[in-house]
Amino acid sequence: MASSEDLEALKEQLAAIEHARWSHWQKYMHKKCIRNSDGSLTIPKELVVKWDNQSRTVYADLTEKEKQSDREQVDKYLPLLKNFFQQLE
């Protein structure tokens, strides 16, 4: 059984991966947006429509390309989780 220290360490490692994922997404978003003179960003209409549709779609109904994008994100977490569970054996 994992100790509370082990779980806290795992949580911190997962949080670091999550922050890197979020940071990457923000950089991507900012590149896709129009920067206004006041520093705010405007998301182009076609991206709003696309992302609205995706956010309302359950995983099973996503396109294969969209699913693959989600799988690639999970691949960043899997080695850490695999290592954690192997240590429990």
PDB file of N, CA and C in Angstrom:
ATOM      1  N   MET A   1       0.841  -1.181   0.000  1.00  0.00           N
ATOM      2  CA  MET A   1       0.000   0.000   0.000  1.00  0.00           C
ATOM      3  C   MET A   1       0.890   1.249   0.000  1.00  0.00           C
ATOM      4  N   ALA A   2       0.476   2.246  -0.759  1.00  0.00           N
ATOM      5  CA  ALA A   2       1.240   3.481  -0.866  1.00  0.00           C
ATOM      6  C   ALA A   2       1.077   4.320   0.403  1.00  0.00           C
ATOM      7  N   SER A   3       2.173   4.924   0.818  1.00  0.00           N
ATOM      8  CA  SER A   3       2.109   5.808   1.987  1.00  0.00           C
ATOM      9  C   SER A   3       1.553   7.162   1.567  1.00  0.00           C
ATOM     10  N   SER A   4       1.178   7.952   2.532  1.00  0.00           N
ATOM     11  CA  SER A   4       0.679   9.284   2.229  1.00  0.00           C
ATOM     12  C   SER A   4       1.778  10.137   1.587  1.00  0.00           C
ATOM     13  N   GLU A   5       3.041   9.895   1.966  1.00  0.00           N
ATOM     14  CA  GLU A   5       4.161  10.611   1.343  1.00  0.00           C
ATOM     15  C   GLU A   5       4.302  10.221  -0.124  1.00  0.00           C
ATOM     16  N   ASP A   6       4.126   8.925  -0.429  1.00  0.00           N
ATOM     17  CA  ASP A   6       4.201   8.459  -1.815  1.00  0.00           C
ATOM     18  C   ASP A   6       3.102   9.095  -2.656  1.00  0.00           C
ATOM     19  N   LEU A   7       1.902   9.156  -2.092  1.00  0.00           N
ATOM     20  CA  LEU A   7       0.783   9.755  -2.824  1.00  0.00           C
ATOM     21  C   LEU A   7       0.987  11.253  -3.035  1.00  0.00           C
ATOM     22  N   GLU A   8       1.536  11.929  -2.032  1.00  0.00           N
ATOM     23  CA  GLU A   8       1.823  13.364  -2.180  1.00  0.00           C
ATOM     24  C   GLU A   8       2.875  13.589  -3.260  1.00  0.00           C
ATOM     25  N   ALA A   9       3.895  12.734  -3.303  1.00  0.00           N
ATOM     26  CA  ALA A   9       4.940  12.858  -4.324  1.00  0.00           C
ATOM     27  C   ALA A   9       4.340  12.629  -5.716  1.00  0.00           C
ATOM     28  N   LEU A  10       3.482  11.626  -5.830  1.00  0.00           N
ATOM     29  CA  LEU A  10       2.811  11.355  -7.103  1.00  0.00           C
ATOM     30  C   LEU A  10       1.940  12.539  -7.508  1.00  0.00           C
ATOM     31  N   LYS A  11       1.213  13.080  -6.554  1.00  0.00           N
ATOM     32  CA  LYS A  11       0.344  14.224  -6.836  1.00  0.00           C
ATOM     33  C   LYS A  11       1.161  15.402  -7.367  1.00  0.00           C
ATOM     34  N   GLU A  12       2.304  15.674  -6.773  1.00  0.00           N
ATOM     35  CA  GLU A  12       3.152  16.778  -7.222  1.00  0.00           C
ATOM     36  C   GLU A  12       3.695  16.520  -8.635  1.00  0.00           C
ATOM     37  N   GLN A  13       4.077  15.285  -8.910  1.00  0.00           N
ATOM     38  CA  GLN A  13       4.577  14.948 -10.249  1.00  0.00           C
ATOM     39  C   GLN A  13       3.468  15.087 -11.293  1.00  0.00           C
ATOM     40  N   LEU A  14       2.272  14.617 -10.947  1.00  0.00           N
ATOM     41  CA  LEU A  14       1.138  14.750 -11.858  1.00  0.00           C
ATOM     42  C   LEU A  14       0.767  16.215 -12.053  1.00  0.00           C
ATOM     43  N   ALA A  15       0.834  17.001 -10.993  1.00  0.00           N
ATOM     44  CA  ALA A  15       0.529  18.425 -11.096  1.00  0.00           C
ATOM     45  C   ALA A  15       1.529  19.131 -12.009  1.00  0.00           C
ATOM     46  N   ALA A  16       2.791  18.732 -11.961  1.00  0.00           N
ATOM     47  CA  ALA A  16       3.806  19.326 -12.838  1.00  0.00           C
ATOM     48  C   ALA A  16       3.498  19.001 -14.296  1.00  0.00           C
ATOM     49  N   ILE A  17       3.087  17.769 -14.570  1.00  0.00           N
ATOM     50  CA  ILE A  17       2.710  17.386 -15.935  1.00  0.00           C
ATOM     51  C   ILE A  17       1.481  18.171 -16.364  1.00  0.00           C
ATOM     52  N   GLU A  18       0.517  18.299 -15.470  1.00  0.00           N
ATOM     53  CA  GLU A  18      -0.708  19.035 -15.795  1.00  0.00           C
ATOM     54  C   GLU A  18      -0.398  20.502 -16.092  1.00  0.00           C
ATOM     55  N   HIS A  19       0.496  21.092 -15.324  1.00  0.00           N
ATOM     56  CA  HIS A  19       0.859  22.485 -15.592  1.00  0.00           C
ATOM     57  C   HIS A  19       1.545  22.616 -16.955  1.00  0.00           C
ATOM     58  N   ALA A  20       2.420  21.700 -17.285  1.00  0.00           N
ATOM     59  CA  ALA A  20       3.090  21.734 -18.593  1.00  0.00           C
ATOM     60  C   ALA A  20       2.060  21.592 -19.718  1.00  0.00           C
ATOM     61  N   ARG A  21       1.065  20.719 -19.514  1.00  0.00           N
ATOM     62  CA  ARG A  21       0.025  20.536 -20.523  1.00  0.00           C
ATOM     63  C   ARG A  21      -0.788  21.814 -20.685  1.00  0.00           C
ATOM     64  N   TRP A  22      -1.180  22.412 -19.566  1.00  0.00           N
ATOM     65  CA  TRP A  22      -1.957  23.647 -19.595  1.00  0.00           C
ATOM     66  C   TRP A  22      -1.157  24.783 -20.244  1.00  0.00           C
ATOM     67  N   SER A  23       0.103  24.899 -19.875  1.00  0.00           N
ATOM     68  CA  SER A  23       0.965  25.945 -20.421  1.00  0.00           C
ATOM     69  C   SER A  23       1.100  25.794 -21.940  1.00  0.00           C
ATOM     70  N   HIS A  24       1.281  24.573 -22.390  1.00  0.00           N
ATOM     71  CA  HIS A  24       1.370  24.306 -23.836  1.00  0.00           C
ATOM     72  C   HIS A  24       0.074  24.727 -24.527  1.00  0.00           C
ATOM     73  N   TRP A  25      -1.067  24.396 -23.934  1.00  0.00           N
ATOM     74  CA  TRP A  25      -2.362  24.760 -24.510  1.00  0.00           C
ATOM     75  C   TRP A  25      -2.515  26.280 -24.566  1.00  0.00           C
ATOM     76  N   GLN A  26      -2.127  26.967 -23.516  1.00  0.00           N
ATOM     77  CA  GLN A  26      -2.248  28.423 -23.505  1.00  0.00           C
ATOM     78  C   GLN A  26      -1.396  29.060 -24.604  1.00  0.00           C
ATOM     79  N   LYS A  27      -0.179  28.571 -24.771  1.00  0.00           N
ATOM     80  CA  LYS A  27       0.683  29.097 -25.835  1.00  0.00           C
ATOM     81  C   LYS A  27       0.048  28.853 -27.202  1.00  0.00           C
ATOM     82  N   TYR A  28      -0.510  27.668 -27.386  1.00  0.00           N
ATOM     83  CA  TYR A  28      -1.199  27.337 -28.642  1.00  0.00           C
ATOM     84  C   TYR A  28      -2.381  28.289 -28.865  1.00  0.00           C
ATOM     85  N   MET A  29      -3.196  28.462 -27.828  1.00  0.00           N
ATOM     86  CA  MET A  29      -4.359  29.344 -27.926  1.00  0.00           C
ATOM     87  C   MET A  29      -3.954  30.764 -28.284  1.00  0.00           C
ATOM     88  N   HIS A  30      -2.936  31.265 -27.616  1.00  0.00           N
ATOM     89  CA  HIS A  30      -2.510  32.637 -27.862  1.00  0.00           C
ATOM     90  C   HIS A  30      -2.022  32.816 -29.298  1.00  0.00           C
ATOM     91  N   LYS A  31      -1.376  31.792 -29.842  1.00  0.00           N
ATOM     92  CA  LYS A  31      -0.925  31.875 -31.239  1.00  0.00           C
ATOM     93  C   LYS A  31      -2.102  31.884 -32.206  1.00  0.00           C
ATOM     94  N   LYS A  32      -3.182  31.222 -31.860  1.00  0.00           N
ATOM     95  CA  LYS A  32      -4.353  31.123 -32.732  1.00  0.00           C
ATOM     96  C   LYS A  32      -5.267  32.345 -32.643  1.00  0.00           C
ATOM     97  N   CYS A  33      -5.131  33.110 -31.587  1.00  0.00           N
ATOM     98  CA  CYS A  33      -6.013  34.260 -31.358  1.00  0.00           C
ATOM     99  C   CYS A  33      -5.461  35.528 -32.007  1.00  0.00           C
ATOM    100  N   ILE A  34      -6.324  36.494 -32.100  1.00  0.00           N
ATOM    101  CA  ILE A  34      -5.953  37.823 -32.579  1.00  0.00           C
ATOM    102  C   ILE A  34      -5.667  38.679 -31.349  1.00  0.00           C
ATOM    103  N   ARG A  35      -4.472  39.259 -31.300  1.00  0.00           N
ATOM    104  CA  ARG A  35      -4.113  40.111 -30.163  1.00  0.00           C
ATOM    105  C   ARG A  35      -4.615  41.522 -30.449  1.00  0.00           C
ATOM    106  N   ASN A  36      -5.424  42.024 -29.549  1.00  0.00           N
ATOM    107  CA  ASN A  36      -5.996  43.357 -29.686  1.00  0.00           C
ATOM    108  C   ASN A  36      -5.041  44.409 -29.121  1.00  0.00           C
ATOM    109  N   SER A  37      -5.257  45.655 -29.491  1.00  0.00           N
ATOM    110  CA  SER A  37      -4.360  46.740 -29.074  1.00  0.00           C
ATOM    111  C   SER A  37      -4.306  46.910 -27.558  1.00  0.00           C
ATOM    112  N   ASP A  38      -5.360  46.494 -26.852  1.00  0.00           N
ATOM    113  CA  ASP A  38      -5.364  46.607 -25.388  1.00  0.00           C
ATOM    114  C   ASP A  38      -4.738  45.395 -24.693  1.00  0.00           C
ATOM    115  N   GLY A  39      -4.225  44.447 -25.492  1.00  0.00           N
ATOM    116  CA  GLY A  39      -3.593  43.252 -24.931  1.00  0.00           C
ATOM    117  C   GLY A  39      -4.522  42.063 -24.792  1.00  0.00           C
ATOM    118  N   SER A  40      -5.817  42.273 -24.957  1.00  0.00           N
ATOM    119  CA  SER A  40      -6.763  41.154 -24.883  1.00  0.00           C
ATOM    120  C   SER A  40      -6.652  40.321 -26.157  1.00  0.00           C
ATOM    121  N   LEU A  41      -7.249  39.147 -26.117  1.00  0.00           N
ATOM    122  CA  LEU A  41      -7.220  38.234 -27.255  1.00  0.00           C
ATOM    123  C   LEU A  41      -8.633  37.985 -27.755  1.00  0.00           C
ATOM    124  N   THR A  42      -8.767  37.826 -29.063  1.00  0.00           N
ATOM    125  CA  THR A  42     -10.036  37.461 -29.675  1.00  0.00           C
ATOM    126  C   THR A  42      -9.856  36.111 -30.354  1.00  0.00           C
ATOM    127  N   ILE A  43     -10.707  35.163 -29.985  1.00  0.00           N
ATOM    128  CA  ILE A  43     -10.651  33.834 -30.598  1.00  0.00           C
ATOM    129  C   ILE A  43     -11.423  33.891 -31.913  1.00  0.00           C
ATOM    130  N   PRO A  44     -10.803  33.459 -33.011  1.00  0.00           N
ATOM    131  CA  PRO A  44     -11.521  33.452 -34.282  1.00  0.00           C
ATOM    132  C   PRO A  44     -12.779  32.579 -34.204  1.00  0.00           C
ATOM    133  N   LYS A  45     -13.826  33.022 -34.889  1.00  0.00           N
ATOM    134  CA  LYS A  45     -15.130  32.364 -34.834  1.00  0.00           C
ATOM    135  C   LYS A  45     -15.039  30.865 -35.130  1.00  0.00           C
ATOM    136  N   GLU A  46     -14.273  30.491 -36.147  1.00  0.00           N
ATOM    137  CA  GLU A  46     -14.211  29.063 -36.516  1.00  0.00           C
ATOM    138  C   GLU A  46     -13.631  28.206 -35.396  1.00  0.00           C
ATOM    139  N   LEU A  47     -12.724  28.766 -34.610  1.00  0.00           N
ATOM    140  CA  LEU A  47     -12.178  28.014 -33.479  1.00  0.00           C
ATOM    141  C   LEU A  47     -13.173  27.938 -32.331  1.00  0.00           C
ATOM    142  N   VAL A  48     -13.923  29.010 -32.115  1.00  0.00           N
ATOM    143  CA  VAL A  48     -14.974  28.973 -31.085  1.00  0.00           C
ATOM    144  C   VAL A  48     -15.978  27.879 -31.424  1.00  0.00           C
ATOM    145  N   VAL A  49     -16.408  27.828 -32.671  1.00  0.00           N
ATOM    146  CA  VAL A  49     -17.370  26.810 -33.104  1.00  0.00           C
ATOM    147  C   VAL A  49     -16.777  25.415 -32.919  1.00  0.00           C
ATOM    148  N   LYS A  50     -15.543  25.234 -33.380  1.00  0.00           N
ATOM    149  CA  LYS A  50     -14.876  23.924 -33.277  1.00  0.00           C
ATOM    150  C   LYS A  50     -14.759  23.480 -31.825  1.00  0.00           C
ATOM    151  N   TRP A  51     -14.248  24.363 -30.967  1.00  0.00           N
ATOM    152  CA  TRP A  51     -14.009  23.986 -29.574  1.00  0.00           C
ATOM    153  C   TRP A  51     -15.309  23.863 -28.788  1.00  0.00           C
ATOM    154  N   ASP A  52     -16.316  24.641 -29.130  1.00  0.00           N
ATOM    155  CA  ASP A  52     -17.634  24.463 -28.510  1.00  0.00           C
ATOM    156  C   ASP A  52     -18.178  23.071 -28.836  1.00  0.00           C
ATOM    157  N   ASN A  53     -18.086  22.699 -30.095  1.00  0.00           N
ATOM    158  CA  ASN A  53     -18.572  21.372 -30.506  1.00  0.00           C
ATOM    159  C   ASN A  53     -17.810  20.260 -29.802  1.00  0.00           C
ATOM    160  N   GLN A  54     -16.498  20.389 -29.758  1.00  0.00           N
ATOM    161  CA  GLN A  54     -15.690  19.359 -29.089  1.00  0.00           C
ATOM    162  C   GLN A  54     -16.031  19.262 -27.611  1.00  0.00           C
ATOM    163  N   SER A  55     -16.240  20.396 -26.973  1.00  0.00           N
ATOM    164  CA  SER A  55     -16.511  20.368 -25.529  1.00  0.00           C
ATOM    165  C   SER A  55     -17.862  19.746 -25.203  1.00  0.00           C
ATOM    166  N   ARG A  56     -18.760  19.736 -26.159  1.00  0.00           N
ATOM    167  CA  ARG A  56     -20.081  19.130 -25.951  1.00  0.00           C
ATOM    168  C   ARG A  56     -20.138  17.675 -26.416  1.00  0.00           C
ATOM    169  N   THR A  57     -19.047  17.173 -26.936  1.00  0.00           N
ATOM    170  CA  THR A  57     -19.006  15.818 -27.472  1.00  0.00           C
ATOM    171  C   THR A  57     -18.346  14.880 -26.475  1.00  0.00           C
ATOM    172  N   VAL A  58     -18.995  13.763 -26.176  1.00  0.00           N
ATOM    173  CA  VAL A  58     -18.368  12.773 -25.298  1.00  0.00           C
ATOM    174  C   VAL A  58     -17.222  12.105 -26.053  1.00  0.00           C
ATOM    175  N   TYR A  59     -16.263  11.611 -25.308  1.00  0.00           N
ATOM    176  CA  TYR A  59     -15.062  11.025 -25.902  1.00  0.00           C
ATOM    177  C   TYR A  59     -15.389   9.990 -26.976  1.00  0.00           C
ATOM    178  N   ALA A  60     -16.315   9.106 -26.690  1.00  0.00           N
ATOM    179  CA  ALA A  60     -16.645   8.019 -27.625  1.00  0.00           C
ATOM    180  C   ALA A  60     -17.101   8.533 -28.984  1.00  0.00           C
ATOM    181  N   ASP A  61     -17.650   9.741 -29.025  1.00  0.00           N
ATOM    182  CA  ASP A  61     -18.165  10.296 -30.272  1.00  0.00           C
ATOM    183  C   ASP A  61     -17.192  11.244 -30.980  1.00  0.00           C
ATOM    184  N   LEU A  62     -16.003  11.428 -30.425  1.00  0.00           N
ATOM    185  CA  LEU A  62     -15.011  12.273 -31.084  1.00  0.00           C
ATOM    186  C   LEU A  62     -14.499  11.597 -32.353  1.00  0.00           C
ATOM    187  N   THR A  63     -13.926  12.392 -33.232  1.00  0.00           N
ATOM    188  CA  THR A  63     -13.281  11.807 -34.414  1.00  0.00           C
ATOM    189  C   THR A  63     -12.036  11.059 -33.953  1.00  0.00           C
ATOM    190  N   GLU A  64     -11.532  10.198 -34.790  1.00  0.00           N
ATOM    191  CA  GLU A  64     -10.323   9.456 -34.438  1.00  0.00           C
ATOM    192  C   GLU A  64      -9.150  10.414 -34.207  1.00  0.00           C
ATOM    193  N   LYS A  65      -9.060  11.466 -34.989  1.00  0.00           N
ATOM    194  CA  LYS A  65      -7.990  12.456 -34.815  1.00  0.00           C
ATOM    195  C   LYS A  65      -8.101  13.146 -33.452  1.00  0.00           C
ATOM    196  N   GLU A  66      -9.306  13.495 -33.054  1.00  0.00           N
ATOM    197  CA  GLU A  66      -9.511  14.133 -31.753  1.00  0.00           C
ATOM    198  C   GLU A  66      -9.180  13.169 -30.615  1.00  0.00           C
ATOM    199  N   LYS A  67      -9.585  11.911 -30.760  1.00  0.00           N
ATOM    200  CA  LYS A  67      -9.258  10.912 -29.746  1.00  0.00           C
ATOM    201  C   LYS A  67      -7.748  10.741 -29.627  1.00  0.00           C
ATOM    202  N   GLN A  68      -7.066  10.718 -30.767  1.00  0.00           N
ATOM    203  CA  GLN A  68      -5.613  10.541 -30.749  1.00  0.00           C
ATOM    204  C   GLN A  68      -4.935  11.687 -30.022  1.00  0.00           C
ATOM    205  N   SER A  69      -5.446  12.881 -30.194  1.00  0.00           N
ATOM    206  CA  SER A  69      -4.892  14.036 -29.481  1.00  0.00           C
ATOM    207  C   SER A  69      -5.031  13.845 -27.965  1.00  0.00           C
ATOM    208  N   ASP A  70      -6.176  13.356 -27.513  1.00  0.00           N
ATOM    209  CA  ASP A  70      -6.372  13.086 -26.081  1.00  0.00           C
ATOM    210  C   ASP A  70      -5.459  11.964 -25.609  1.00  0.00           C
ATOM    211  N   ARG A  71      -5.291  10.931 -26.424  1.00  0.00           N
ATOM    212  CA  ARG A  71      -4.404   9.816 -26.055  1.00  0.00           C
ATOM    213  C   ARG A  71      -2.967  10.299 -25.888  1.00  0.00           C
ATOM    214  N   GLU A  72      -2.554  11.212 -26.762  1.00  0.00           N
ATOM    215  CA  GLU A  72      -1.189  11.739 -26.673  1.00  0.00           C
ATOM    216  C   GLU A  72      -0.974  12.477 -25.359  1.00  0.00           C
ATOM    217  N   GLN A  73      -2.000  13.139 -24.870  1.00  0.00           N
ATOM    218  CA  GLN A  73      -1.889  13.805 -23.575  1.00  0.00           C
ATOM    219  C   GLN A  73      -1.788  12.781 -22.444  1.00  0.00           C
ATOM    220  N   VAL A  74      -2.577  11.728 -22.516  1.00  0.00           N
ATOM    221  CA  VAL A  74      -2.538  10.680 -21.488  1.00  0.00           C
ATOM    222  C   VAL A  74      -1.184   9.981 -21.486  1.00  0.00           C
ATOM    223  N   ASP A  75      -0.571   9.848 -22.668  1.00  0.00           N
ATOM    224  CA  ASP A  75       0.749   9.216 -22.756  1.00  0.00           C
ATOM    225  C   ASP A  75       1.790   9.931 -21.899  1.00  0.00           C
ATOM    226  N   LYS A  76       1.575  11.197 -21.616  1.00  0.00           N
ATOM    227  CA  LYS A  76       2.500  11.943 -20.775  1.00  0.00           C
ATOM    228  C   LYS A  76       2.391  11.525 -19.308  1.00  0.00           C
ATOM    229  N   TYR A  77       1.239  11.018 -18.923  1.00  0.00           N
ATOM    230  CA  TYR A  77       0.996  10.601 -17.542  1.00  0.00           C
ATOM    231  C   TYR A  77       1.325   9.121 -17.305  1.00  0.00           C
ATOM    232  N   LEU A  78       1.156   8.306 -18.321  1.00  0.00           N
ATOM    233  CA  LEU A  78       1.267   6.859 -18.146  1.00  0.00           C
ATOM    234  C   LEU A  78       2.598   6.377 -17.578  1.00  0.00           C
ATOM    235  N   PRO A  79       3.753   6.861 -18.049  1.00  0.00           N
ATOM    236  CA  PRO A  79       5.006   6.353 -17.469  1.00  0.00           C
ATOM    237  C   PRO A  79       5.104   6.605 -15.968  1.00  0.00           C
ATOM    238  N   LEU A  80       4.662   7.738 -15.536  1.00  0.00           N
ATOM    239  CA  LEU A  80       4.690   8.070 -14.117  1.00  0.00           C
ATOM    240  C   LEU A  80       3.780   7.136 -13.326  1.00  0.00           C
ATOM    241  N   LEU A  81       2.574   6.904 -13.834  1.00  0.00           N
ATOM    242  CA  LEU A  81       1.638   6.011 -13.156  1.00  0.00           C
ATOM    243  C   LEU A  81       2.130   4.569 -13.169  1.00  0.00           C
ATOM    244  N   LYS A  82       2.682   4.146 -14.301  1.00  0.00           N
ATOM    245  CA  LYS A  82       3.228   2.781 -14.393  1.00  0.00           C
ATOM    246  C   LYS A  82       4.318   2.581 -13.356  1.00  0.00           C
ATOM    247  N   ASN A  83       5.220   3.525 -13.252  1.00  0.00           N
ATOM    248  CA  ASN A  83       6.297   3.445 -12.278  1.00  0.00           C
ATOM    249  C   ASN A  83       5.754   3.411 -10.854  1.00  0.00           C
ATOM    250  N   PHE A  84       4.759   4.241 -10.578  1.00  0.00           N
ATOM    251  CA  PHE A  84       4.172   4.292  -9.245  1.00  0.00           C
ATOM    252  C   PHE A  84       3.562   2.929  -8.879  1.00  0.00           C
ATOM    253  N   PHE A  85       2.789   2.356  -9.783  1.00  0.00           N
ATOM    254  CA  PHE A  85       2.126   1.090  -9.473  1.00  0.00           C
ATOM    255  C   PHE A  85       3.109  -0.072  -9.422  1.00  0.00           C
ATOM    256  N   GLN A  86       4.180  -0.017 -10.183  1.00  0.00           N
ATOM    257  CA  GLN A  86       5.198  -1.056 -10.095  1.00  0.00           C
ATOM    258  C   GLN A  86       5.886  -1.044  -8.733  1.00  0.00           C
ATOM    259  N   GLN A  87       6.032   0.125  -8.164  1.00  0.00           N
ATOM    260  CA  GLN A  87       6.641   0.235  -6.837  1.00  0.00           C
ATOM    261  C   GLN A  87       5.737  -0.347  -5.751  1.00  0.00           C
ATOM    262  N   LEU A  88       4.444  -0.442  -6.035  1.00  0.00           N
ATOM    263  CA  LEU A  88       3.512  -1.008  -5.058  1.00  0.00           C
ATOM    264  C   LEU A  88       3.542  -2.536  -5.043  1.00  0.00           C
ATOM    265  N   GLU A  89       4.050  -3.112  -6.099  1.00  0.00           N
ATOM    266  CA  GLU A  89       4.048  -4.585  -6.207  1.00  0.00           C
ATOM    267  C   GLU A  89       5.056  -5.226  -5.289  1.00  0.00           C
TER     268      GLU A  89
END
